[in-house]
PDB file of N, CA and C in Angstrom:
ATOM      1  N   MET A   1      -5.373  18.375  -8.847  1.00  0.00           N
ATOM      2  CA  MET A   1      -4.728  18.713  -7.641  1.00  0.00           C
ATOM      3  C   MET A   1      -5.144  19.902  -7.757  1.00  0.00           C
ATOM      4  N   PRO A   2      -5.166  20.543  -6.077  1.00  0.00           N
ATOM      5  CA  PRO A   2      -5.118  22.023  -5.645  1.00  0.00           C
ATOM      6  C   PRO A   2      -3.856  22.365  -6.071  1.00  0.00           C
ATOM      7  N   SER A   3      -4.156  23.680  -6.543  1.00  0.00           N
ATOM      8  CA  SER A   3      -3.202  24.687  -6.981  1.00  0.00           C
ATOM      9  C   SER A   3      -2.387  24.790  -5.476  1.00  0.00           C
ATOM     10  N   SER A   4      -2.552  24.871  -4.560  1.00  0.00           N
ATOM     11  CA  SER A   4      -1.848  24.806  -3.122  1.00  0.00           C
ATOM     12  C   SER A   4      -0.961  23.941  -3.012  1.00  0.00           C
ATOM     13  N   ALA A   5      -0.938  22.336  -3.395  1.00  0.00           N
ATOM     14  CA  ALA A   5      -0.618  21.276  -3.038  1.00  0.00           C
ATOM     15  C   ALA A   5       0.565  21.178  -3.247  1.00  0.00           C
ATOM     16  N   LYS A   6       1.482  20.203  -2.617  1.00  0.00           N
ATOM     17  CA  LYS A   6       2.668  20.277  -2.456  1.00  0.00           C
ATOM     18  C   LYS A   6       3.225  19.013  -2.682  1.00  0.00           C
ATOM     19  N   LYS A   7       3.987  18.569  -3.444  1.00  0.00           N
ATOM     20  CA  LYS A   7       4.519  17.564  -3.548  1.00  0.00           C
ATOM     21  C   LYS A   7       5.820  16.677  -3.223  1.00  0.00           C
ATOM     22  N   ALA A   8       6.362  15.776  -2.513  1.00  0.00           N
ATOM     23  CA  ALA A   8       7.129  15.366  -1.448  1.00  0.00           C
ATOM     24  C   ALA A   8       7.756  14.174  -2.198  1.00  0.00           C
ATOM     25  N   ASP A   9       9.397  14.092  -1.790  1.00  0.00           N
ATOM     26  CA  ASP A   9      10.331  13.249  -2.423  1.00  0.00           C
ATOM     27  C   ASP A   9      10.118  11.919  -1.691  1.00  0.00           C
ATOM     28  N   ASP A  10      10.527  10.991  -2.083  1.00  0.00           N
ATOM     29  CA  ASP A  10      10.472   9.626  -1.459  1.00  0.00           C
ATOM     30  C   ASP A  10      11.332   9.629  -0.337  1.00  0.00           C
ATOM     31  N   GLN A  11      10.978   9.276   0.748  1.00  0.00           N
ATOM     32  CA  GLN A  11      12.233   9.632   1.599  1.00  0.00           C
ATOM     33  C   GLN A  11      11.582   8.623   3.338  1.00  0.00           C
ATOM     34  N   PHE A  12      12.619   8.536   4.058  1.00  0.00           N
ATOM     35  CA  PHE A  12      12.256   8.206   5.564  1.00  0.00           C
ATOM     36  C   PHE A  12      11.735   9.077   6.308  1.00  0.00           C
ATOM     37  N   ILE A  13      11.240   8.611   7.165  1.00  0.00           N
ATOM     38  CA  ILE A  13      10.256  10.079   8.075  1.00  0.00           C
ATOM     39  C   ILE A  13      10.810   9.166   9.394  1.00  0.00           C
ATOM     40  N   GLU A  14      11.085  10.210  10.391  1.00  0.00           N
ATOM     41  CA  GLU A  14      11.079   9.793  12.373  1.00  0.00           C
ATOM     42  C   GLU A  14      10.202  10.258  12.290  1.00  0.00           C
ATOM     43  N   ALA A  15       9.083   9.516  12.342  1.00  0.00           N
ATOM     44  CA  ALA A  15       7.406  10.292  12.673  1.00  0.00           C
ATOM     45  C   ALA A  15       6.963  10.461  14.294  1.00  0.00           C
ATOM     46  N   VAL A  16       6.380  11.281  14.575  1.00  0.00           N
ATOM     47  CA  VAL A  16       5.528  11.031  16.144  1.00  0.00           C
ATOM     48  C   VAL A  16       4.927  10.325  16.376  1.00  0.00           C
ATOM     49  N   VAL A  17       4.896  10.014  17.240  1.00  0.00           N
ATOM     50  CA  VAL A  17       3.578   8.865  17.339  1.00  0.00           C
ATOM     51  C   VAL A  17       3.005   9.171  17.988  1.00  0.00           C
ATOM     52  N   CYS A  18       1.268  10.192  17.793  1.00  0.00           N
ATOM     53  CA  CYS A  18       0.458  11.046  18.497  1.00  0.00           C
ATOM     54  C   CYS A  18      -0.849   9.971  19.096  1.00  0.00           C
ATOM     55  N   ASP A  19      -0.698   8.614  18.552  1.00  0.00           N
ATOM     56  CA  ASP A  19      -2.009   8.090  19.086  1.00  0.00           C
ATOM     57  C   ASP A  19      -1.526   7.001  20.114  1.00  0.00           C
ATOM     58  N   PRO A  20      -2.033   7.002  21.572  1.00  0.00           N
ATOM     59  CA  PRO A  20      -1.432   6.266  22.553  1.00  0.00           C
ATOM     60  C   PRO A  20      -1.464   4.903  22.365  1.00  0.00           C
ATOM     61  N   GLU A  21      -1.993   4.033  21.915  1.00  0.00           N
ATOM     62  CA  GLU A  21      -2.654   2.211  21.310  1.00  0.00           C
ATOM     63  C   GLU A  21      -1.362   2.318  20.306  1.00  0.00           C
ATOM     64  N   ILE A  22      -1.119   2.986  19.463  1.00  0.00           N
ATOM     65  CA  ILE A  22      -0.129   2.955  18.242  1.00  0.00           C
ATOM     66  C   ILE A  22       1.264   3.048  19.131  1.00  0.00           C
ATOM     67  N   GLN A  23       1.715   4.351  19.917  1.00  0.00           N
ATOM     68  CA  GLN A  23       2.384   3.766  21.264  1.00  0.00           C
ATOM     69  C   GLN A  23       2.832   2.691  22.255  1.00  0.00           C
ATOM     70  N   ALA A  24       1.524   1.907  22.506  1.00  0.00           N
ATOM     71  CA  ALA A  24       1.498   0.833  23.214  1.00  0.00           C
ATOM     72  C   ALA A  24       2.319   0.104  22.471  1.00  0.00           C
ATOM     73  N   LEU A  25       1.588  -0.024  21.080  1.00  0.00           N
ATOM     74  CA  LEU A  25       1.619  -1.654  20.394  1.00  0.00           C
ATOM     75  C   LEU A  25       3.457  -1.008  19.723  1.00  0.00           C
ATOM     76  N   LEU A  26       3.804   0.031  19.294  1.00  0.00           N
ATOM     77  CA  LEU A  26       5.096  -0.207  19.072  1.00  0.00           C
ATOM     78  C   LEU A  26       6.131  -0.439  20.339  1.00  0.00           C
ATOM     79  N   GLY A  27       5.472   0.303  22.007  1.00  0.00           N
ATOM     80  CA  GLY A  27       6.335   0.519  23.052  1.00  0.00           C
ATOM     81  C   GLY A  27       7.841   1.576  22.591  1.00  0.00           C
ATOM     82  N   LYS A  28       6.804   2.359  22.034  1.00  0.00           N
ATOM     83  CA  LYS A  28       7.592   3.835  21.411  1.00  0.00           C
ATOM     84  C   LYS A  28       7.327   4.599  21.417  1.00  0.00           C
ATOM     85  N   ASP A  29       7.419   5.984  21.065  1.00  0.00           N
ATOM     86  CA  ASP A  29       6.809   7.147  20.786  1.00  0.00           C
ATOM     87  C   ASP A  29       7.287   7.412  19.736  1.00  0.00           C
ATOM     88  N   LYS A  30       8.358   7.241  19.056  1.00  0.00           N
ATOM     89  CA  LYS A  30       8.718   7.322  17.420  1.00  0.00           C
ATOM     90  C   LYS A  30       8.649   6.684  16.998  1.00  0.00           C
ATOM     91  N   ALA A  31       7.989   6.345  15.294  1.00  0.00           N
ATOM     92  CA  ALA A  31       8.123   5.480  14.124  1.00  0.00           C
ATOM     93  C   ALA A  31       8.311   5.750  13.046  1.00  0.00           C
ATOM     94  N   ILE A  32       9.817   4.972  12.255  1.00  0.00           N
ATOM     95  CA  ILE A  32      10.372   4.937  10.740  1.00  0.00           C
ATOM     96  C   ILE A  32       9.533   4.550   9.743  1.00  0.00           C
ATOM     97  N   VAL A  33       8.663   5.651   9.222  1.00  0.00           N
ATOM     98  CA  VAL A  33       8.315   5.332   7.740  1.00  0.00           C
ATOM     99  C   VAL A  33       8.912   5.700   6.632  1.00  0.00           C
ATOM    100  N   TYR A  34       8.921   4.887   5.772  1.00  0.00           N
ATOM    101  CA  TYR A  34       9.078   5.269   4.513  1.00  0.00           C
ATOM    102  C   TYR A  34       8.116   5.748   3.454  1.00  0.00           C
ATOM    103  N   LEU A  35       8.569   6.840   2.967  1.00  0.00           N
ATOM    104  CA  LEU A  35       7.157   7.230   1.808  1.00  0.00           C
ATOM    105  C   LEU A  35       7.738   7.063   0.438  1.00  0.00           C
ATOM    106  N   ASP A  36       7.664   6.358  -0.195  1.00  0.00           N
ATOM    107  CA  ASP A  36       8.193   5.175  -1.365  1.00  0.00           C
ATOM    108  C   ASP A  36       8.132   6.017  -2.684  1.00  0.00           C
ATOM    109  N   ILE A  37       7.759   6.888  -2.969  1.00  0.00           N
ATOM    110  CA  ILE A  37       6.418   6.866  -3.940  1.00  0.00           C
ATOM    111  C   ILE A  37       6.984   8.784  -4.567  1.00  0.00           C
ATOM    112  N   TYR A  38       7.850   9.012  -5.800  1.00  0.00           N
ATOM    113  CA  TYR A  38       8.395  10.702  -5.710  1.00  0.00           C
ATOM    114  C   TYR A  38       7.068  11.484  -5.885  1.00  0.00           C
ATOM    115  N   GLY A  39       6.837  12.320  -5.780  1.00  0.00           N
ATOM    116  CA  GLY A  39       5.825  13.754  -5.704  1.00  0.00           C
ATOM    117  C   GLY A  39       4.310  13.062  -4.793  1.00  0.00           C
ATOM    118  N   TRP A  40       4.731  12.299  -4.106  1.00  0.00           N
ATOM    119  CA  TRP A  40       3.272  11.656  -3.134  1.00  0.00           C
ATOM    120  C   TRP A  40       2.964  13.221  -2.357  1.00  0.00           C
ATOM    121  N   ILE A  41       1.673  12.919  -2.505  1.00  0.00           N
ATOM    122  CA  ILE A  41       0.926  14.737  -2.408  1.00  0.00           C
ATOM    123  C   ILE A  41       0.455  14.606  -0.377  1.00  0.00           C
ATOM    124  N   VAL A  42       0.838  15.708   0.011  1.00  0.00           N
ATOM    125  CA  VAL A  42       1.688  15.935   1.149  1.00  0.00           C
ATOM    126  C   VAL A  42      -0.127  16.505   1.854  1.00  0.00           C
ATOM    127  N   ILE A  43      -0.457  15.701   3.013  1.00  0.00           N
ATOM    128  CA  ILE A  43      -1.874  15.983   3.612  1.00  0.00           C
ATOM    129  C   ILE A  43      -1.511  17.430   3.935  1.00  0.00           C
ATOM    130  N   ASP A  44      -2.218  18.656   3.576  1.00  0.00           N
ATOM    131  CA  ASP A  44      -1.579  20.242   4.128  1.00  0.00           C
ATOM    132  C   ASP A  44      -2.543  20.398   5.573  1.00  0.00           C
ATOM    133  N   SER A  45      -4.055  19.955   5.791  1.00  0.00           N
ATOM    134  CA  SER A  45      -4.331  20.173   6.755  1.00  0.00           C
ATOM    135  C   SER A  45      -5.526  19.170   7.493  1.00  0.00           C
ATOM    136  N   VAL A  46      -6.249  18.876   8.726  1.00  0.00           N
ATOM    137  CA  VAL A  46      -7.239  17.848   8.472  1.00  0.00           C
ATOM    138  C   VAL A  46      -8.402  18.738   9.370  1.00  0.00           C
ATOM    139  N   ALA A  47      -9.345  17.816   9.198  1.00  0.00           N
ATOM    140  CA  ALA A  47     -11.234  18.615   9.231  1.00  0.00           C
ATOM    141  C   ALA A  47     -11.201  18.514  11.295  1.00  0.00           C
ATOM    142  N   PRO A  48     -12.180  19.704  11.520  1.00  0.00           N
ATOM    143  CA  PRO A  48     -12.601  18.688  12.932  1.00  0.00           C
ATOM    144  C   PRO A  48     -12.906  17.323  13.168  1.00  0.00           C
ATOM    145  N   GLY A  49     -12.509  16.842  13.743  1.00  0.00           N
ATOM    146  CA  GLY A  49     -12.631  15.623  14.102  1.00  0.00           C
ATOM    147  C   GLY A  49     -12.525  14.323  13.645  1.00  0.00           C
ATOM    148  N   VAL A  50     -11.184  15.038  12.385  1.00  0.00           N
ATOM    149  CA  VAL A  50     -10.364  14.313  12.153  1.00  0.00           C
ATOM    150  C   VAL A  50      -9.291  13.894  13.295  1.00  0.00           C
ATOM    151  N   SER A  51      -8.356  12.451  13.466  1.00  0.00           N
ATOM    152  CA  SER A  51      -7.005  11.775  14.700  1.00  0.00           C
ATOM    153  C   SER A  51      -6.210  12.178  13.985  1.00  0.00           C
ATOM    154  N   VAL A  52      -4.947  12.716  14.040  1.00  0.00           N
ATOM    155  CA  VAL A  52      -3.719  12.695  13.808  1.00  0.00           C
ATOM    156  C   VAL A  52      -3.141  11.509  14.648  1.00  0.00           C
ATOM    157  N   ASP A  53      -2.891  10.486  14.162  1.00  0.00           N
ATOM    158  CA  ASP A  53      -1.719   9.542  14.587  1.00  0.00           C
ATOM    159  C   ASP A  53      -0.233   9.254  14.628  1.00  0.00           C
ATOM    160  N   LEU A  54       0.583   9.672  13.407  1.00  0.00           N
ATOM    161  CA  LEU A  54       1.562  10.078  12.934  1.00  0.00           C
ATOM    162  C   LEU A  54       2.077  11.540  12.318  1.00  0.00           C
ATOM    163  N   GLN A  55       3.027  12.142  12.687  1.00  0.00           N
ATOM    164  CA  GLN A  55       3.207  12.943  12.311  1.00  0.00           C
ATOM    165  C   GLN A  55       4.840  13.197  12.447  1.00  0.00           C
ATOM    166  N   GLY A  56       5.405  14.251  10.762  1.00  0.00           N
ATOM    167  CA  GLY A  56       6.248  14.382  10.871  1.00  0.00           C
ATOM    168  C   GLY A  56       6.879  15.245   9.893  1.00  0.00           C
ATOM    169  N   THR A  57       8.740  15.705   9.873  1.00  0.00           N
ATOM    170  CA  THR A  57       9.330  16.682   9.452  1.00  0.00           C
ATOM    171  C   THR A  57       9.085  16.060   7.853  1.00  0.00           C
ATOM    172  N   VAL A  58       9.093  16.840   6.344  1.00  0.00           N
ATOM    173  CA  VAL A  58       8.452  16.253   5.363  1.00  0.00           C
ATOM    174  C   VAL A  58       9.675  17.378   4.594  1.00  0.00           C
ATOM    175  N   VAL A  59      10.089  16.447   3.711  1.00  0.00           N
ATOM    176  CA  VAL A  59      10.957  17.684   2.602  1.00  0.00           C
ATOM    177  C   VAL A  59      10.526  17.167   1.199  1.00  0.00           C
ATOM    178  N   PHE A  60       9.971  18.505   0.537  1.00  0.00           N
ATOM    179  CA  PHE A  60       9.635  18.858  -0.569  1.00  0.00           C
ATOM    180  C   PHE A  60      10.374  18.148  -1.980  1.00  0.00           C
ATOM    181  N   GLU A  61       9.800  18.666  -3.329  1.00  0.00           N
ATOM    182  CA  GLU A  61      10.903  18.877  -3.874  1.00  0.00           C
ATOM    183  C   GLU A  61      11.395  19.559  -4.097  1.00  0.00           C
ATOM    184  N   ASP A  62      10.859  20.667  -3.708  1.00  0.00           N
ATOM    185  CA  ASP A  62      12.007  21.666  -4.479  1.00  0.00           C
ATOM    186  C   ASP A  62      13.143  22.248  -2.662  1.00  0.00           C
ATOM    187  N   GLU A  63      13.030  21.149  -1.909  1.00  0.00           N
ATOM    188  CA  GLU A  63      13.859  21.035  -0.949  1.00  0.00           C
ATOM    189  C   GLU A  63      13.635  21.761   0.633  1.00  0.00           C
ATOM    190  N   THR A  64      12.253  22.489   0.081  1.00  0.00           N
ATOM    191  CA  THR A  64      11.785  23.054   1.192  1.00  0.00           C
ATOM    192  C   THR A  64      11.275  22.082   2.484  1.00  0.00           C
ATOM    193  N   THR A  65      11.156  22.238   3.806  1.00  0.00           N
ATOM    194  CA  THR A  65      10.657  21.412   4.492  1.00  0.00           C
ATOM    195  C   THR A  65       9.206  21.937   5.332  1.00  0.00           C
ATOM    196  N   LYS A  66       8.806  21.413   5.935  1.00  0.00           N
ATOM    197  CA  LYS A  66       7.192  21.434   6.837  1.00  0.00           C
ATOM    198  C   LYS A  66       7.133  20.558   7.730  1.00  0.00           C
ATOM    199  N   ASP A  67       7.221  20.712   9.203  1.00  0.00           N
ATOM    200  CA  ASP A  67       6.838  20.443  10.511  1.00  0.00           C
ATOM    201  C   ASP A  67       5.545  20.015  10.940  1.00  0.00           C
ATOM    202  N   ASN A  68       4.935  18.625  11.537  1.00  0.00           N
ATOM    203  CA  ASN A  68       4.070  18.032  12.032  1.00  0.00           C
ATOM    204  C   ASN A  68       3.119  18.091  10.931  1.00  0.00           C
ATOM    205  N   VAL A  69       2.940  17.418   9.392  1.00  0.00           N
ATOM    206  CA  VAL A  69       2.841  17.009   8.436  1.00  0.00           C
ATOM    207  C   VAL A  69       2.293  15.771   9.488  1.00  0.00           C
ATOM    208  N   PRO A  70       0.612  15.746   9.279  1.00  0.00           N
ATOM    209  CA  PRO A  70       0.253  14.191   9.144  1.00  0.00           C
ATOM    210  C   PRO A  70       0.328  13.247   8.327  1.00  0.00           C
ATOM    211  N   LEU A  71       0.838  12.354   9.153  1.00  0.00           N
ATOM    212  CA  LEU A  71       1.174  10.782   7.944  1.00  0.00           C
ATOM    213  C   LEU A  71       0.348   9.488   7.926  1.00  0.00           C
ATOM    214  N   MET A  72      -0.548  10.269   8.739  1.00  0.00           N
ATOM    215  CA  MET A  72      -1.885   8.768   9.240  1.00  0.00           C
ATOM    216  C   MET A  72      -2.572   9.458  10.000  1.00  0.00           C
ATOM    217  N   VAL A  73      -4.092   9.026   9.986  1.00  0.00           N
ATOM    218  CA  VAL A  73      -5.046  10.186  10.423  1.00  0.00           C
ATOM    219  C   VAL A  73      -6.202   9.080  10.021  1.00  0.00           C
ATOM    220  N   HIS A  74      -7.148   9.540  11.308  1.00  0.00           N
ATOM    221  CA  HIS A  74      -8.599   8.516  11.339  1.00  0.00           C
ATOM    222  C   HIS A  74      -9.686   9.397  11.365  1.00  0.00           C
ATOM    223  N   PHE A  75     -10.975   8.546  11.594  1.00  0.00           N
ATOM    224  CA  PHE A  75     -12.389   9.541  11.622  1.00  0.00           C
ATOM    225  C   PHE A  75     -13.194   8.417  11.516  1.00  0.00           C
ATOM    226  N   SER A  76     -13.571   8.792  12.552  1.00  0.00           N
ATOM    227  CA  SER A  76     -15.620   7.978  12.320  1.00  0.00           C
ATOM    228  C   SER A  76     -16.341   7.722  11.328  1.00  0.00           C
ATOM    229  N   HIS A  77     -16.965   7.089  10.910  1.00  0.00           N
ATOM    230  CA  HIS A  77     -17.612   6.985   9.936  1.00  0.00           C
ATOM    231  C   HIS A  77     -18.563   5.957   9.871  1.00  0.00           C
ATOM    232  N   GLY A  78     -19.600   6.254  10.063  1.00  0.00           N
ATOM    233  CA  GLY A  78     -20.920   5.342  10.825  1.00  0.00           C
ATOM    234  C   GLY A  78     -20.794   4.505  11.694  1.00  0.00           C
ATOM    235  N   ASP A  79     -20.674   3.020  11.707  1.00  0.00           N
ATOM    236  CA  ASP A  79     -20.208   2.037  12.471  1.00  0.00           C
ATOM    237  C   ASP A  79     -18.566   2.358  12.732  1.00  0.00           C
ATOM    238  N   GLY A  80     -17.903   2.149  11.926  1.00  0.00           N
ATOM    239  CA  GLY A  80     -15.993   2.076  11.869  1.00  0.00           C
ATOM    240  C   GLY A  80     -15.779   3.425  12.085  1.00  0.00           C
ATOM    241  N   PHE A  81     -14.783   3.702  10.882  1.00  0.00           N
ATOM    242  CA  PHE A  81     -14.223   4.482  11.115  1.00  0.00           C
ATOM    243  C   PHE A  81     -12.934   4.143   9.996  1.00  0.00           C
ATOM    244  N   VAL A  82     -12.564   5.522   9.345  1.00  0.00           N
ATOM    245  CA  VAL A  82     -11.690   5.044   8.187  1.00  0.00           C
ATOM    246  C   VAL A  82     -10.032   5.777   8.719  1.00  0.00           C
ATOM    247  N   VAL A  83      -9.010   5.103   7.876  1.00  0.00           N
ATOM    248  CA  VAL A  83      -7.881   5.704   8.221  1.00  0.00           C
ATOM    249  C   VAL A  83      -7.104   5.911   6.990  1.00  0.00           C
ATOM    250  N   PHE A  84      -6.626   6.737   6.662  1.00  0.00           N
ATOM    251  CA  PHE A  84      -5.374   7.049   5.707  1.00  0.00           C
ATOM    252  C   PHE A  84      -4.038   7.401   5.855  1.00  0.00           C
ATOM    253  N   THR A  85      -3.191   6.263   5.264  1.00  0.00           N
ATOM    254  CA  THR A  85      -2.107   6.631   5.228  1.00  0.00           C
ATOM    255  C   THR A  85      -0.892   7.420   4.566  1.00  0.00           C
ATOM    256  N   SER A  86       0.224   8.101   4.163  1.00  0.00           N
ATOM    257  CA  SER A  86       0.901   8.483   3.461  1.00  0.00           C
ATOM    258  C   SER A  86       1.982   7.627   3.105  1.00  0.00           C
ATOM    259  N   PHE A  87       1.952   6.182   4.226  1.00  0.00           N
ATOM    260  CA  PHE A  87       3.140   5.120   3.546  1.00  0.00           C
ATOM    261  C   PHE A  87       2.023   4.248   3.723  1.00  0.00           C
ATOM    262  N   HIS A  88       2.407   2.959   2.524  1.00  0.00           N
ATOM    263  CA  HIS A  88       2.499   2.405   2.220  1.00  0.00           C
ATOM    264  C   HIS A  88       2.790   0.857   2.281  1.00  0.00           C
ATOM    265  N   ASN A  89       2.030  -0.727   2.721  1.00  0.00           N
ATOM    266  CA  ASN A  89       2.661  -1.748   2.740  1.00  0.00           C
ATOM    267  C   ASN A  89       3.550  -2.052   0.608  1.00  0.00           C
ATOM    268  N   SER A  90       5.010  -1.716   1.134  1.00  0.00           N
ATOM    269  CA  SER A  90       5.819  -1.733  -0.276  1.00  0.00           C
ATOM    270  C   SER A  90       6.493  -2.810   0.092  1.00  0.00           C
ATOM    271  N   ALA A  91       7.666  -2.908  -0.648  1.00  0.00           N
ATOM    272  CA  ALA A  91       8.750  -3.971  -0.900  1.00  0.00           C
ATOM    273  C   ALA A  91       9.679  -3.042   0.526  1.00  0.00           C
ATOM    274  N   GLN A  92       9.832  -1.597   0.626  1.00  0.00           N
ATOM    275  CA  GLN A  92      10.761  -0.883   1.835  1.00  0.00           C
ATOM    276  C   GLN A  92       9.302  -1.456   2.618  1.00  0.00           C
ATOM    277  N   VAL A  93       8.489  -1.611   3.213  1.00  0.00           N
ATOM    278  CA  VAL A  93       7.720  -0.940   4.999  1.00  0.00           C
ATOM    279  C   VAL A  93       8.951  -1.203   5.959  1.00  0.00           C
ATOM    280  N   THR A  94       8.919  -0.508   6.386  1.00  0.00           N
ATOM    281  CA  THR A  94       9.910  -0.807   7.825  1.00  0.00           C
ATOM    282  C   THR A  94       9.191  -1.552   8.572  1.00  0.00           C
ATOM    283  N   LYS A  95      10.063  -2.112   9.600  1.00  0.00           N
ATOM    284  CA  LYS A  95       9.453  -3.040  10.912  1.00  0.00           C
ATOM    285  C   LYS A  95       7.848  -1.455  11.769  1.00  0.00           C
ATOM    286  N   ASP A  96       8.411  -1.064  11.584  1.00  0.00           N
ATOM    287  CA  ASP A  96       6.971   0.015  12.496  1.00  0.00           C
ATOM    288  C   ASP A  96       6.047  -0.303  11.819  1.00  0.00           C
ATOM    289  N   THR A  97       6.429   0.358  10.744  1.00  0.00           N
ATOM    290  CA  THR A  97       4.658   0.366   9.673  1.00  0.00           C
ATOM    291  C   THR A  97       4.771  -0.699   9.445  1.00  0.00           C
ATOM    292  N   GLU A  98       4.760  -1.947   9.369  1.00  0.00           N
ATOM    293  CA  GLU A  98       4.918  -3.534   9.494  1.00  0.00           C
ATOM    294  C   GLU A  98       3.214  -3.806  10.711  1.00  0.00           C
ATOM    295  N   LYS A  99       4.325  -3.279  11.856  1.00  0.00           N
ATOM    296  CA  LYS A  99       3.244  -3.892  12.788  1.00  0.00           C
ATOM    297  C   LYS A  99       1.682  -2.927  12.649  1.00  0.00           C
ATOM    298  N   ILE A 100       2.210  -1.492  12.206  1.00  0.00           N
ATOM    299  CA  ILE A 100       0.986  -0.542  12.395  1.00  0.00           C
ATOM    300  C   ILE A 100       0.276  -0.866  11.496  1.00  0.00           C
ATOM    301  N   LEU A 101       0.683  -0.755  10.132  1.00  0.00           N
ATOM    302  CA  LEU A 101      -0.539  -1.667   9.093  1.00  0.00           C
ATOM    303  C   LEU A 101      -1.089  -3.428   9.505  1.00  0.00           C
ATOM    304  N   LYS A 102      -0.711  -3.914  10.088  1.00  0.00           N
ATOM    305  CA  LYS A 102      -1.178  -5.345  10.468  1.00  0.00           C
ATOM    306  C   LYS A 102      -2.177  -4.730  11.773  1.00  0.00           C
ATOM    307  N   HIS A 103      -1.816  -4.365  12.443  1.00  0.00           N
ATOM    308  CA  HIS A 103      -2.554  -3.985  13.371  1.00  0.00           C
ATOM    309  C   HIS A 103      -4.027  -3.427  13.217  1.00  0.00           C
ATOM    310  N   LEU A 104      -3.664  -2.355  12.379  1.00  0.00           N
ATOM    311  CA  LEU A 104      -5.048  -1.756  11.523  1.00  0.00           C
ATOM    312  C   LEU A 104      -6.127  -2.986  10.664  1.00  0.00           C
ATOM    313  N   VAL A 105      -5.196  -3.945   9.891  1.00  0.00           N
ATOM    314  CA  VAL A 105      -5.961  -5.074   9.072  1.00  0.00           C
ATOM    315  C   VAL A 105      -6.527  -5.962   9.839  1.00  0.00           C
ATOM    316  N   PHE A 106      -5.665  -6.415  10.757  1.00  0.00           N
ATOM    317  CA  PHE A 106      -6.189  -8.034  11.518  1.00  0.00           C
ATOM    318  C   PHE A 106      -6.397  -8.022  13.151  1.00  0.00           C
ATOM    319  N   GLU A 107      -6.004  -6.680  13.696  1.00  0.00           N
ATOM    320  CA  GLU A 107      -6.640  -6.394  14.919  1.00  0.00           C
ATOM    321  C   GLU A 107      -8.006  -5.661  15.845  1.00  0.00           C
ATOM    322  N   LEU A 108      -7.909  -4.577  14.337  1.00  0.00           N
ATOM    323  CA  LEU A 108      -9.502  -3.827  14.704  1.00  0.00           C
ATOM    324  C   LEU A 108     -10.350  -4.220  14.133  1.00  0.00           C
TER     325      LEU A 108
END
């Protein structure tokens, strides 16, 4: 892990939905996500060509916060694309993340 990487607590986040297709899927521009693993590594920045789909304010284990943290990103690769999410399909999946994950897996 890079020395600058910060870990975050498990937490619910009201994320801003940046992607118009996901906004249409959810019918709103905010989504509740649950990051259920204590000590998850927060995305610090994204490279050119990487699209931020969801972002929000994160609380770190030292109780500091950071706004506009990418929580879901995607980028083109070959004939398809790669998606990375900070949230996962867990027992505590929210209705919003369930819709997003099903869309990513079954409809794209």
